[in-house]
Amino acid sequence: MLQNHVWVDVTRHNSNLPPLAVKNPECLGLLNLLDRNKDSWVQHYCILKDGCLYFYASIRSTYAIGGIYLHGYTVKEQPLGFKRSTIELKPPSEEFKVFYFCAENVNENKRYPTKLH
């Protein structure tokens, strides 16, 4: 249980940092996240660090607007609508929602599945 609390503290700490202040991220860059409510793609600056994907409104943001703790998620590339290459993040249980995102180009997309596991 203690490990969970440590993770929550670290995540909260990282969420309150500007994106460029997060030390040694595994991956970073612009990603388009599917907004299911509006059925549209919204661009975010994203950072992957210690199994958590943080979303920022832009590279100049002072804090993260959200994050996904990826433990237990399955990651796979698949087409979705007009986007030829989309990454699906599927949660370990039905109570969490599935996320879809894609990078600015297909080559960028290919970097993420390997980094997200």
C-alpha atoms as a PDB file:
ATOM      1  CA  MET A   1       0.000   0.000   0.000  1.00  0.00           C
ATOM      2  CA  LEU A   2       2.838   2.367   0.847  1.00  0.00           C
ATOM      3  CA  GLN A   3       4.129   2.070  -2.712  1.00  0.00           C
ATOM      4  CA  ASN A   4       0.799   3.419  -4.000  1.00  0.00           C
ATOM      5  CA  HIS A   5       1.064   6.490  -1.778  1.00  0.00           C
ATOM      6  CA  VAL A   6       4.598   7.154  -2.985  1.00  0.00           C
ATOM      7  CA  TRP A   7       3.407   6.879  -6.582  1.00  0.00           C
ATOM      8  CA  VAL A   8       0.517   9.299  -5.916  1.00  0.00           C
ATOM      9  CA  ASP A   9       2.929  11.820  -4.372  1.00  0.00           C
ATOM     10  CA  VAL A  10       5.355  11.553  -7.289  1.00  0.00           C
ATOM     11  CA  THR A  11       2.529  11.886  -9.804  1.00  0.00           C
ATOM     12  CA  ARG A  12       1.084  14.890  -8.003  1.00  0.00           C
ATOM     13  CA  HIS A  13       4.549  16.462  -7.855  1.00  0.00           C
ATOM     14  CA  ASN A  14       5.162  15.885 -11.586  1.00  0.00           C
ATOM     15  CA  SER A  15       1.657  17.118 -12.488  1.00  0.00           C
ATOM     16  CA  ASN A  16       2.389  20.440 -10.832  1.00  0.00           C
ATOM     17  CA  LEU A  17       5.585  20.974 -12.804  1.00  0.00           C
ATOM     18  CA  PRO A  18       5.809  22.698 -16.183  1.00  0.00           C
ATOM     19  CA  PRO A  19       6.525  20.083 -18.884  1.00  0.00           C
ATOM     20  CA  LEU A  20      10.109  21.204 -19.418  1.00  0.00           C
ATOM     21  CA  ALA A  21      10.858  20.783 -15.692  1.00  0.00           C
ATOM     22  CA  VAL A  22      10.048  17.041 -15.652  1.00  0.00           C
ATOM     23  CA  LYS A  23      13.448  15.339 -15.418  1.00  0.00           C
ATOM     24  CA  ASN A  24      14.485  12.528 -17.803  1.00  0.00           C
ATOM     25  CA  PRO A  25      11.147  11.754 -19.490  1.00  0.00           C
ATOM     26  CA  GLU A  26      11.058   8.545 -21.540  1.00  0.00           C
ATOM     27  CA  CYS A  27       9.155  10.253 -24.343  1.00  0.00           C
ATOM     28  CA  LEU A  28       7.733  13.691 -25.070  1.00  0.00           C
ATOM     29  CA  GLY A  29       6.067  15.596 -27.863  1.00  0.00           C
ATOM     30  CA  LEU A  30       2.758  16.591 -29.394  1.00  0.00           C
ATOM     31  CA  LEU A  31      -0.050  14.039 -29.398  1.00  0.00           C
ATOM     32  CA  ASN A  32      -3.656  14.289 -30.521  1.00  0.00           C
ATOM     33  CA  LEU A  33      -6.070  12.817 -27.992  1.00  0.00           C
ATOM     34  CA  LEU A  34      -9.573  11.812 -29.013  1.00  0.00           C
ATOM     35  CA  ASP A  35     -12.201  13.783 -27.115  1.00  0.00           C
ATOM     36  CA  ARG A  36     -15.098  11.335 -27.080  1.00  0.00           C
ATOM     37  CA  ASN A  37     -17.622  13.975 -25.966  1.00  0.00           C
ATOM     38  CA  LYS A  38     -16.967  16.210 -28.947  1.00  0.00           C
ATOM     39  CA  ASP A  39     -15.839  13.420 -31.281  1.00  0.00           C
ATOM     40  CA  SER A  40     -12.809  15.489 -32.210  1.00  0.00           C
ATOM     41  CA  TRP A  41      -9.037  15.348 -31.780  1.00  0.00           C
ATOM     42  CA  VAL A  42      -7.402  17.733 -29.332  1.00  0.00           C
ATOM     43  CA  GLN A  43      -3.674  18.408 -29.443  1.00  0.00           C
ATOM     44  CA  HIS A  44      -1.693  18.187 -26.214  1.00  0.00           C
ATOM     45  CA  TYR A  45       1.972  18.356 -25.336  1.00  0.00           C
ATOM     46  CA  CYS A  46       2.621  15.008 -23.636  1.00  0.00           C
ATOM     47  CA  ILE A  47       5.317  13.568 -21.434  1.00  0.00           C
ATOM     48  CA  LEU A  48       5.781   9.914 -20.562  1.00  0.00           C
ATOM     49  CA  LYS A  49       7.556   9.458 -17.245  1.00  0.00           C
ATOM     50  CA  ASP A  50       7.681   6.441 -14.912  1.00  0.00           C
ATOM     51  CA  GLY A  51       4.660   4.721 -16.419  1.00  0.00           C
ATOM     52  CA  CYS A  52       2.478   7.813 -16.423  1.00  0.00           C
ATOM     53  CA  LEU A  53       1.463   9.829 -19.487  1.00  0.00           C
ATOM     54  CA  TYR A  54       0.949  13.512 -18.594  1.00  0.00           C
ATOM     55  CA  PHE A  55      -1.081  15.872 -20.787  1.00  0.00           C
ATOM     56  CA  TYR A  56      -0.416  19.600 -21.048  1.00  0.00           C
ATOM     57  CA  ALA A  57      -2.396  22.235 -22.946  1.00  0.00           C
ATOM     58  CA  SER A  58       0.900  23.386 -24.521  1.00  0.00           C
ATOM     59  CA  ILE A  59       4.657  23.301 -24.013  1.00  0.00           C
ATOM     60  CA  ARG A  60       4.341  26.604 -22.124  1.00  0.00           C
ATOM     61  CA  SER A  61       1.821  25.234 -19.589  1.00  0.00           C
ATOM     62  CA  THR A  62       2.730  25.518 -15.925  1.00  0.00           C
ATOM     63  CA  TYR A  63       1.048  22.235 -14.892  1.00  0.00           C
ATOM     64  CA  ALA A  64      -0.479  19.087 -16.401  1.00  0.00           C
ATOM     65  CA  ILE A  65      -4.199  19.092 -17.189  1.00  0.00           C
ATOM     66  CA  GLY A  66      -4.348  15.323 -16.809  1.00  0.00           C
ATOM     67  CA  GLY A  67      -2.490  12.066 -16.669  1.00  0.00           C
ATOM     68  CA  ILE A  68      -2.933   8.338 -17.163  1.00  0.00           C
ATOM     69  CA  TYR A  69      -1.183   5.855 -14.903  1.00  0.00           C
ATOM     70  CA  LEU A  70      -0.503   3.127 -17.464  1.00  0.00           C
ATOM     71  CA  HIS A  71      -0.009   0.150 -15.149  1.00  0.00           C
ATOM     72  CA  GLY A  72      -2.161  -2.690 -16.479  1.00  0.00           C
ATOM     73  CA  TYR A  73      -3.159  -0.891 -19.690  1.00  0.00           C
ATOM     74  CA  THR A  74      -2.687  -2.691 -22.983  1.00  0.00           C
ATOM     75  CA  VAL A  75      -1.240  -0.659 -25.823  1.00  0.00           C
ATOM     76  CA  LYS A  76      -1.846  -1.385 -29.464  1.00  0.00           C
ATOM     77  CA  GLU A  77      -1.740   0.411 -32.756  1.00  0.00           C
ATOM     78  CA  GLN A  78      -4.896   0.364 -34.806  1.00  0.00           C
ATOM     79  CA  PRO A  79      -6.727   2.448 -37.410  1.00  0.00           C
ATOM     80  CA  LEU A  80      -9.613   4.592 -36.189  1.00  0.00           C
ATOM     81  CA  GLY A  81     -11.826   6.505 -38.620  1.00  0.00           C
ATOM     82  CA  PHE A  82      -9.771   8.593 -41.024  1.00  0.00           C
ATOM     83  CA  LYS A  83      -6.643   8.277 -38.869  1.00  0.00           C
ATOM     84  CA  ARG A  84      -4.619   5.441 -40.340  1.00  0.00           C
ATOM     85  CA  SER A  85      -2.518   4.927 -37.264  1.00  0.00           C
ATOM     86  CA  THR A  86      -3.956   5.402 -33.795  1.00  0.00           C
ATOM     87  CA  ILE A  87      -2.734   4.100 -30.476  1.00  0.00           C
ATOM     88  CA  GLU A  88      -5.317   2.538 -28.226  1.00  0.00           C
ATOM     89  CA  LEU A  89      -4.744   2.485 -24.465  1.00  0.00           C
ATOM     90  CA  LYS A  90      -7.086  -0.105 -23.010  1.00  0.00           C
ATOM     91  CA  PRO A  91      -7.517  -0.197 -19.221  1.00  0.00           C
ATOM     92  CA  PRO A  92      -7.306  -3.351 -17.102  1.00  0.00           C
ATOM     93  CA  SER A  93     -10.982  -3.059 -16.118  1.00  0.00           C
ATOM     94  CA  GLU A  94     -14.245  -1.789 -17.600  1.00  0.00           C
ATOM     95  CA  GLU A  95     -14.633   0.962 -15.014  1.00  0.00           C
ATOM     96  CA  PHE A  96     -11.849   2.990 -16.638  1.00  0.00           C
ATOM     97  CA  LYS A  97     -12.138   4.509 -20.064  1.00  0.00           C
ATOM     98  CA  VAL A  98     -10.230   3.592 -23.209  1.00  0.00           C
ATOM     99  CA  PHE A  99      -7.986   6.339 -24.604  1.00  0.00           C
ATOM    100  CA  TYR A 100      -7.077   6.899 -28.240  1.00  0.00           C
ATOM    101  CA  PHE A 101      -4.270   9.115 -29.382  1.00  0.00           C
ATOM    102  CA  CYS A 102      -2.032   9.657 -32.363  1.00  0.00           C
ATOM    103  CA  ALA A 103       1.155  11.542 -33.032  1.00  0.00           C
ATOM    104  CA  GLU A 104       1.622  14.141 -35.739  1.00  0.00           C
ATOM    105  CA  ASN A 105       2.970  11.521 -38.115  1.00  0.00           C
ATOM    106  CA  VAL A 106       3.064   7.745 -38.404  1.00  0.00           C
ATOM    107  CA  ASN A 107       6.783   7.452 -37.594  1.00  0.00           C
ATOM    108  CA  GLU A 108       6.264   9.326 -34.323  1.00  0.00           C
ATOM    109  CA  ASN A 109       3.367   6.995 -33.523  1.00  0.00           C
ATOM    110  CA  LYS A 110       5.629   3.983 -33.840  1.00  0.00           C
ATOM    111  CA  ARG A 111       7.835   5.211 -30.984  1.00  0.00           C
ATOM    112  CA  TYR A 112       5.048   5.145 -28.427  1.00  0.00           C
ATOM    113  CA  PRO A 113       3.832   1.517 -28.187  1.00  0.00           C
ATOM    114  CA  THR A 114       7.329   0.311 -27.317  1.00  0.00           C
ATOM    115  CA  LYS A 115       7.816   3.058 -24.701  1.00  0.00           C
ATOM    116  CA  LEU A 116       4.395   2.590 -23.095  1.00  0.00           C
ATOM    117  CA  HIS A 117       4.855  -1.018 -21.996  1.00  0.00           C
END
